[in-house]
Amino acid sequence: MSVLTVRDVPEDQIRVLKTRAAQAGKSLQAYMQELIARETTKPTMADMAAQLEREAAAEYTTADVLAAIDEGRGGR
């Protein structure tokens, strides 16, 4: 695993991060690792736009729509 150093972080931002980490019951290191992991797994706007373009280009039948609705209702 690599080491990451962030310099020149304002003290007020450090205080906020430490407070949030404590509220989450985590060390600052664990909190920051979770924040980085969460941020790096989110799709980018370009990824989301490409997905929307693919979905918009797809041809859906009424049966496809009804099946998706039934699938969504099954999780309730």
PDB file of N, CA and C in Angstrom:
ATOM      1  N   MET A   1       0.844  -1.173   0.000  1.00  0.00           N
ATOM      2  CA  MET A   1       0.000   0.000   0.000  1.00  0.00           C
ATOM      3  C   MET A   1       0.888   1.233   0.000  1.00  0.00           C
ATOM      4  N   SER A   2       0.451   2.254  -0.715  1.00  0.00           N
ATOM      5  CA  SER A   2       1.221   3.488  -0.820  1.00  0.00           C
ATOM      6  C   SER A   2       0.906   4.443   0.317  1.00  0.00           C
ATOM      7  N   VAL A   3       1.776   5.409   0.479  1.00  0.00           N
ATOM      8  CA  VAL A   3       1.593   6.464   1.473  1.00  0.00           C
ATOM      9  C   VAL A   3       1.236   7.739   0.727  1.00  0.00           C
ATOM     10  N   LEU A   4       0.266   8.463   1.255  1.00  0.00           N
ATOM     11  CA  LEU A   4      -0.167   9.717   0.652  1.00  0.00           C
ATOM     12  C   LEU A   4      -0.004  10.823   1.679  1.00  0.00           C
ATOM     13  N   THR A   5       0.679  11.883   1.285  1.00  0.00           N
ATOM     14  CA  THR A   5       0.857  13.037   2.162  1.00  0.00           C
ATOM     15  C   THR A   5       0.190  14.231   1.511  1.00  0.00           C
ATOM     16  N   VAL A   6      -0.623  14.928   2.270  1.00  0.00           N
ATOM     17  CA  VAL A   6      -1.284  16.136   1.770  1.00  0.00           C
ATOM     18  C   VAL A   6      -0.764  17.301   2.596  1.00  0.00           C
ATOM     19  N   ARG A   7      -0.147  18.248   1.945  1.00  0.00           N
ATOM     20  CA  ARG A   7       0.451  19.391   2.637  1.00  0.00           C
ATOM     21  C   ARG A   7      -0.473  20.600   2.564  1.00  0.00           C
ATOM     22  N   ASP A   8      -0.238  21.511   3.491  1.00  0.00           N
ATOM     23  CA  ASP A   8      -0.901  22.815   3.508  1.00  0.00           C
ATOM     24  C   ASP A   8      -2.419  22.726   3.613  1.00  0.00           C
ATOM     25  N   VAL A   9      -2.912  21.780   4.407  1.00  0.00           N
ATOM     26  CA  VAL A   9      -4.346  21.695   4.669  1.00  0.00           C
ATOM     27  C   VAL A   9      -4.658  22.669   5.801  1.00  0.00           C
ATOM     28  N   PRO A  10      -5.588  23.576   5.600  1.00  0.00           N
ATOM     29  CA  PRO A  10      -5.911  24.558   6.643  1.00  0.00           C
ATOM     30  C   PRO A  10      -6.377  23.878   7.944  1.00  0.00           C
ATOM     31  N   GLU A  11      -6.010  24.474   9.053  1.00  0.00           N
ATOM     32  CA  GLU A  11      -6.331  23.899  10.368  1.00  0.00           C
ATOM     33  C   GLU A  11      -7.830  23.726  10.576  1.00  0.00           C
ATOM     34  N   ASP A  12      -8.636  24.666  10.095  1.00  0.00           N
ATOM     35  CA  ASP A  12     -10.085  24.531  10.286  1.00  0.00           C
ATOM     36  C   ASP A  12     -10.626  23.305   9.546  1.00  0.00           C
ATOM     37  N   GLN A  13     -10.060  22.986   8.391  1.00  0.00           N
ATOM     38  CA  GLN A  13     -10.483  21.791   7.662  1.00  0.00           C
ATOM     39  C   GLN A  13     -10.038  20.519   8.383  1.00  0.00           C
ATOM     40  N   ILE A  14      -8.843  20.552   8.962  1.00  0.00           N
ATOM     41  CA  ILE A  14      -8.358  19.405   9.743  1.00  0.00           C
ATOM     42  C   ILE A  14      -9.285  19.162  10.931  1.00  0.00           C
ATOM     43  N   ARG A  15      -9.683  20.246  11.616  1.00  0.00           N
ATOM     44  CA  ARG A  15     -10.592  20.110  12.763  1.00  0.00           C
ATOM     45  C   ARG A  15     -11.914  19.474  12.347  1.00  0.00           C
ATOM     46  N   VAL A  16     -12.449  19.917  11.217  1.00  0.00           N
ATOM     47  CA  VAL A  16     -13.708  19.348  10.725  1.00  0.00           C
ATOM     48  C   VAL A  16     -13.544  17.856  10.445  1.00  0.00           C
ATOM     49  N   LEU A  17     -12.457  17.488   9.767  1.00  0.00           N
ATOM     50  CA  LEU A  17     -12.219  16.077   9.453  1.00  0.00           C
ATOM     51  C   LEU A  17     -12.048  15.240  10.710  1.00  0.00           C
ATOM     52  N   LYS A  18     -11.315  15.757  11.680  1.00  0.00           N
ATOM     53  CA  LYS A  18     -11.123  15.027  12.937  1.00  0.00           C
ATOM     54  C   LYS A  18     -12.455  14.852  13.663  1.00  0.00           C
ATOM     55  N   THR A  19     -13.279  15.894  13.655  1.00  0.00           N
ATOM     56  CA  THR A  19     -14.595  15.812  14.297  1.00  0.00           C
ATOM     57  C   THR A  19     -15.471  14.774  13.611  1.00  0.00           C
ATOM     58  N   ARG A  20     -15.486  14.806  12.288  1.00  0.00           N
ATOM     59  CA  ARG A  20     -16.296  13.838  11.544  1.00  0.00           C
ATOM     60  C   ARG A  20     -15.800  12.417  11.764  1.00  0.00           C
ATOM     61  N   ALA A  21     -14.497  12.244  11.819  1.00  0.00           N
ATOM     62  CA  ALA A  21     -13.934  10.911  12.070  1.00  0.00           C
ATOM     63  C   ALA A  21     -14.357  10.424  13.446  1.00  0.00           C
ATOM     64  N   ALA A  22     -14.264  11.304  14.450  1.00  0.00           N
ATOM     65  CA  ALA A  22     -14.653  10.921  15.808  1.00  0.00           C
ATOM     66  C   ALA A  22     -16.137  10.583  15.866  1.00  0.00           C
ATOM     67  N   GLN A  23     -16.969  11.358  15.190  1.00  0.00           N
ATOM     68  CA  GLN A  23     -18.406  11.089  15.171  1.00  0.00           C
ATOM     69  C   GLN A  23     -18.718   9.746  14.510  1.00  0.00           C
ATOM     70  N   ALA A  24     -17.884   9.367  13.567  1.00  0.00           N
ATOM     71  CA  ALA A  24     -18.052   8.071  12.894  1.00  0.00           C
ATOM     72  C   ALA A  24     -17.393   6.936  13.674  1.00  0.00           C
ATOM     73  N   GLY A  25     -16.729   7.283  14.790  1.00  0.00           N
ATOM     74  CA  GLY A  25     -16.061   6.262  15.594  1.00  0.00           C
ATOM     75  C   GLY A  25     -14.808   5.716  14.933  1.00  0.00           C
ATOM     76  N   LYS A  26     -14.146   6.551  14.164  1.00  0.00           N
ATOM     77  CA  LYS A  26     -12.956   6.107  13.432  1.00  0.00           C
ATOM     78  C   LYS A  26     -11.786   7.040  13.719  1.00  0.00           C
ATOM     79  N   SER A  27     -10.608   6.516  13.457  1.00  0.00           N
ATOM     80  CA  SER A  27      -9.425   7.375  13.501  1.00  0.00           C
ATOM     81  C   SER A  27      -9.449   8.257  12.259  1.00  0.00           C
ATOM     82  N   LEU A  28      -8.676   9.329  12.294  1.00  0.00           N
ATOM     83  CA  LEU A  28      -8.608  10.198  11.116  1.00  0.00           C
ATOM     84  C   LEU A  28      -8.097   9.413   9.914  1.00  0.00           C
ATOM     85  N   GLN A  29      -7.114   8.552  10.131  1.00  0.00           N
ATOM     86  CA  GLN A  29      -6.571   7.752   9.024  1.00  0.00           C
ATOM     87  C   GLN A  29      -7.646   6.847   8.428  1.00  0.00           C
ATOM     88  N   ALA A  30      -8.383   6.142   9.279  1.00  0.00           N
ATOM     89  CA  ALA A  30      -9.430   5.235   8.785  1.00  0.00           C
ATOM     90  C   ALA A  30     -10.524   6.017   8.062  1.00  0.00           C
ATOM     91  N   TYR A  31     -10.877   7.175   8.623  1.00  0.00           N
ATOM     92  CA  TYR A  31     -11.905   8.017   8.006  1.00  0.00           C
ATOM     93  C   TYR A  31     -11.455   8.482   6.622  1.00  0.00           C
ATOM     94  N   MET A  32     -10.209   8.925   6.514  1.00  0.00           N
ATOM     95  CA  MET A  32      -9.698   9.398   5.233  1.00  0.00           C
ATOM     96  C   MET A  32      -9.588   8.255   4.219  1.00  0.00           C
ATOM     97  N   GLN A  33      -9.199   7.079   4.672  1.00  0.00           N
ATOM     98  CA  GLN A  33      -9.131   5.937   3.757  1.00  0.00           C
ATOM     99  C   GLN A  33     -10.524   5.605   3.216  1.00  0.00           C
ATOM    100  N   GLU A  34     -11.523   5.664   4.090  1.00  0.00           N
ATOM    101  CA  GLU A  34     -12.896   5.407   3.654  1.00  0.00           C
ATOM    102  C   GLU A  34     -13.369   6.484   2.677  1.00  0.00           C
ATOM    103  N   LEU A  35     -13.056   7.727   2.961  1.00  0.00           N
ATOM    104  CA  LEU A  35     -13.435   8.832   2.087  1.00  0.00           C
ATOM    105  C   LEU A  35     -12.793   8.676   0.708  1.00  0.00           C
ATOM    106  N   ILE A  36     -11.525   8.330   0.671  1.00  0.00           N
ATOM    107  CA  ILE A  36     -10.819   8.134  -0.600  1.00  0.00           C
ATOM    108  C   ILE A  36     -11.408   6.946  -1.360  1.00  0.00           C
ATOM    109  N   ALA A  37     -11.682   5.856  -0.653  1.00  0.00           N
ATOM    110  CA  ALA A  37     -12.259   4.674  -1.302  1.00  0.00           C
ATOM    111  C   ALA A  37     -13.629   4.999  -1.888  1.00  0.00           C
ATOM    112  N   ARG A  38     -14.444   5.718  -1.131  1.00  0.00           N
ATOM    113  CA  ARG A  38     -15.776   6.092  -1.604  1.00  0.00           C
ATOM    114  C   ARG A  38     -15.672   6.997  -2.835  1.00  0.00           C
ATOM    115  N   GLU A  39     -14.782   7.960  -2.783  1.00  0.00           N
ATOM    116  CA  GLU A  39     -14.637   8.913  -3.886  1.00  0.00           C
ATOM    117  C   GLU A  39     -14.112   8.241  -5.154  1.00  0.00           C
ATOM    118  N   THR A  40     -13.205   7.299  -5.009  1.00  0.00           N
ATOM    119  CA  THR A  40     -12.598   6.673  -6.189  1.00  0.00           C
ATOM    120  C   THR A  40     -13.474   5.590  -6.806  1.00  0.00           C
ATOM    121  N   THR A  41     -14.541   5.194  -6.142  1.00  0.00           N
ATOM    122  CA  THR A  41     -15.438   4.187  -6.719  1.00  0.00           C
ATOM    123  C   THR A  41     -16.677   4.813  -7.354  1.00  0.00           C
ATOM    124  N   LYS A  42     -16.873   6.130  -7.167  1.00  0.00           N
ATOM    125  CA  LYS A  42     -18.010   6.799  -7.792  1.00  0.00           C
ATOM    126  C   LYS A  42     -17.719   7.001  -9.272  1.00  0.00           C
ATOM    127  N   PRO A  43     -18.732   6.829 -10.112  1.00  0.00           N
ATOM    128  CA  PRO A  43     -18.499   7.092 -11.537  1.00  0.00           C
ATOM    129  C   PRO A  43     -18.290   8.583 -11.776  1.00  0.00           C
ATOM    130  N   THR A  44     -17.510   8.900 -12.773  1.00  0.00           N
ATOM    131  CA  THR A  44     -17.299  10.300 -13.141  1.00  0.00           C
ATOM    132  C   THR A  44     -18.524  10.791 -13.916  1.00  0.00           C
ATOM    133  N   MET A  45     -18.600  12.101 -14.100  1.00  0.00           N
ATOM    134  CA  MET A  45     -19.697  12.648 -14.901  1.00  0.00           C
ATOM    135  C   MET A  45     -19.624  12.111 -16.335  1.00  0.00           C
ATOM    136  N   ALA A  46     -18.407  11.951 -16.859  1.00  0.00           N
ATOM    137  CA  ALA A  46     -18.255  11.406 -18.214  1.00  0.00           C
ATOM    138  C   ALA A  46     -18.765   9.977 -18.281  1.00  0.00           C
ATOM    139  N   ASP A  47     -18.467   9.165 -17.242  1.00  0.00           N
ATOM    140  CA  ASP A  47     -18.975   7.790 -17.186  1.00  0.00           C
ATOM    141  C   ASP A  47     -20.499   7.771 -17.162  1.00  0.00           C
ATOM    142  N   MET A  48     -21.072   8.656 -16.344  1.00  0.00           N
ATOM    143  CA  MET A  48     -22.534   8.711 -16.227  1.00  0.00           C
ATOM    144  C   MET A  48     -23.171   9.170 -17.541  1.00  0.00           C
ATOM    145  N   ALA A  49     -22.564  10.159 -18.197  1.00  0.00           N
ATOM    146  CA  ALA A  49     -23.087  10.640 -19.473  1.00  0.00           C
ATOM    147  C   ALA A  49     -23.032   9.539 -20.532  1.00  0.00           C
ATOM    148  N   ALA A  50     -21.944   8.794 -20.553  1.00  0.00           N
ATOM    149  CA  ALA A  50     -21.809   7.704 -21.521  1.00  0.00           C
ATOM    150  C   ALA A  50     -22.867   6.624 -21.265  1.00  0.00           C
ATOM    151  N   GLN A  51     -23.101   6.313 -19.993  1.00  0.00           N
ATOM    152  CA  GLN A  51     -24.122   5.318 -19.648  1.00  0.00           C
ATOM    153  C   GLN A  51     -25.507   5.800 -20.086  1.00  0.00           C
ATOM    154  N   LEU A  52     -25.796   7.075 -19.841  1.00  0.00           N
ATOM    155  CA  LEU A  52     -27.093   7.625 -20.255  1.00  0.00           C
ATOM    156  C   LEU A  52     -27.255   7.590 -21.766  1.00  0.00           C
ATOM    157  N   GLU A  53     -26.181   7.872 -22.483  1.00  0.00           N
ATOM    158  CA  GLU A  53     -26.245   7.810 -23.947  1.00  0.00           C
ATOM    159  C   GLU A  53     -26.513   6.387 -24.424  1.00  0.00           C
ATOM    160  N   ARG A  54     -25.854   5.414 -23.784  1.00  0.00           N
ATOM    161  CA  ARG A  54     -26.091   4.013 -24.155  1.00  0.00           C
ATOM    162  C   ARG A  54     -27.539   3.624 -23.881  1.00  0.00           C
ATOM    163  N   GLU A  55     -28.051   4.049 -22.728  1.00  0.00           N
ATOM    164  CA  GLU A  55     -29.423   3.700 -22.371  1.00  0.00           C
ATOM    165  C   GLU A  55     -30.429   4.405 -23.281  1.00  0.00           C
ATOM    166  N   ALA A  56     -30.137   5.656 -23.648  1.00  0.00           N
ATOM    167  CA  ALA A  56     -31.041   6.392 -24.525  1.00  0.00           C
ATOM    168  C   ALA A  56     -31.085   5.768 -25.921  1.00  0.00           C
ATOM    169  N   ALA A  57     -29.982   5.181 -26.343  1.00  0.00           N
ATOM    170  CA  ALA A  57     -29.913   4.573 -27.668  1.00  0.00           C
ATOM    171  C   ALA A  57     -30.551   3.186 -27.692  1.00  0.00           C
ATOM    172  N   ALA A  58     -30.764   2.609 -26.523  1.00  0.00           N
ATOM    173  CA  ALA A  58     -31.323   1.258 -26.460  1.00  0.00           C
ATOM    174  C   ALA A  58     -32.811   1.285 -26.810  1.00  0.00           C
ATOM    175  N   GLU A  59     -33.259   0.220 -27.390  1.00  0.00           N
ATOM    176  CA  GLU A  59     -34.672   0.078 -27.749  1.00  0.00           C
ATOM    177  C   GLU A  59     -35.336  -0.803 -26.697  1.00  0.00           C
ATOM    178  N   TYR A  60     -36.347  -0.262 -26.042  1.00  0.00           N
ATOM    179  CA  TYR A  60     -37.057  -1.012 -25.002  1.00  0.00           C
ATOM    180  C   TYR A  60     -38.483  -1.273 -25.457  1.00  0.00           C
ATOM    181  N   THR A  61     -38.954  -2.462 -25.150  1.00  0.00           N
ATOM    182  CA  THR A  61     -40.338  -2.812 -25.450  1.00  0.00           C
ATOM    183  C   THR A  61     -41.184  -2.574 -24.209  1.00  0.00           C
ATOM    184  N   THR A  62     -42.472  -2.602 -24.388  1.00  0.00           N
ATOM    185  CA  THR A  62     -43.392  -2.480 -23.250  1.00  0.00           C
ATOM    186  C   THR A  62     -43.135  -3.608 -22.262  1.00  0.00           C
ATOM    187  N   ALA A  63     -42.846  -4.785 -22.769  1.00  0.00           N
ATOM    188  CA  ALA A  63     -42.561  -5.926 -21.893  1.00  0.00           C
ATOM    189  C   ALA A  63     -41.311  -5.673 -21.058  1.00  0.00           C
ATOM    190  N   ASP A  64     -40.292  -5.022 -21.642  1.00  0.00           N
ATOM    191  CA  ASP A  64     -39.079  -4.688 -20.892  1.00  0.00           C
ATOM    192  C   ASP A  64     -39.401  -3.742 -19.742  1.00  0.00           C
ATOM    193  N   VAL A  65     -40.213  -2.732 -20.033  1.00  0.00           N
ATOM    194  CA  VAL A  65     -40.577  -1.747 -19.014  1.00  0.00           C
ATOM    195  C   VAL A  65     -41.373  -2.407 -17.899  1.00  0.00           C
ATOM    196  N   LEU A  66     -42.349  -3.215 -18.259  1.00  0.00           N
ATOM    197  CA  LEU A  66     -43.163  -3.899 -17.248  1.00  0.00           C
ATOM    198  C   LEU A  66     -42.329  -4.858 -16.405  1.00  0.00           C
ATOM    199  N   ALA A  67     -41.376  -5.536 -17.027  1.00  0.00           N
ATOM    200  CA  ALA A  67     -40.490  -6.442 -16.298  1.00  0.00           C
ATOM    201  C   ALA A  67     -39.632  -5.663 -15.310  1.00  0.00           C
ATOM    202  N   ALA A  68     -39.144  -4.490 -15.720  1.00  0.00           N
ATOM    203  CA  ALA A  68     -38.329  -3.662 -14.821  1.00  0.00           C
ATOM    204  C   ALA A  68     -39.156  -3.161 -13.640  1.00  0.00           C
ATOM    205  N   ILE A  69     -40.398  -2.790 -13.901  1.00  0.00           N
ATOM    206  CA  ILE A  69     -41.274  -2.347 -12.816  1.00  0.00           C
ATOM    207  C   ILE A  69     -41.521  -3.498 -11.845  1.00  0.00           C
ATOM    208  N   ASP A  70     -41.819  -4.665 -12.360  1.00  0.00           N
ATOM    209  CA  ASP A  70     -42.029  -5.835 -11.493  1.00  0.00           C
ATOM    210  C   ASP A  70     -40.787  -6.166 -10.682  1.00  0.00           C
ATOM    211  N   GLU A  71     -39.629  -6.062 -11.308  1.00  0.00           N
ATOM    212  CA  GLU A  71     -38.374  -6.323 -10.604  1.00  0.00           C
ATOM    213  C   GLU A  71     -38.177  -5.317  -9.467  1.00  0.00           C
ATOM    214  N   GLY A  72     -38.462  -4.061  -9.738  1.00  0.00           N
ATOM    215  CA  GLY A  72     -38.340  -3.033  -8.715  1.00  0.00           C
ATOM    216  C   GLY A  72     -39.294  -3.240  -7.570  1.00  0.00           C
ATOM    217  N   ARG A  73     -40.489  -3.664  -7.866  1.00  0.00           N
ATOM    218  CA  ARG A  73     -41.479  -3.917  -6.816  1.00  0.00           C
ATOM    219  C   ARG A  73     -41.133  -5.152  -5.993  1.00  0.00           C
ATOM    220  N   GLY A  74     -40.411  -6.071  -6.589  1.00  0.00           N
ATOM    221  CA  GLY A  74     -40.030  -7.298  -5.873  1.00  0.00           C
ATOM    222  C   GLY A  74     -39.108  -7.031  -4.699  1.00  0.00           C
ATOM    223  N   GLY A  75     -38.385  -5.934  -4.706  1.00  0.00           N
ATOM    224  CA  GLY A  75     -37.460  -5.603  -3.628  1.00  0.00           C
ATOM    225  C   GLY A  75     -38.124  -4.963  -2.426  1.00  0.00           C
ATOM    226  N   ARG A  76     -39.426  -4.724  -2.506  1.00  0.00           N
ATOM    227  CA  ARG A  76     -40.133  -4.072  -1.389  1.00  0.00           C
ATOM    228  C   ARG A  76     -40.478  -5.011  -0.288  1.00  0.00           C
TER     229      ARG A  76
END
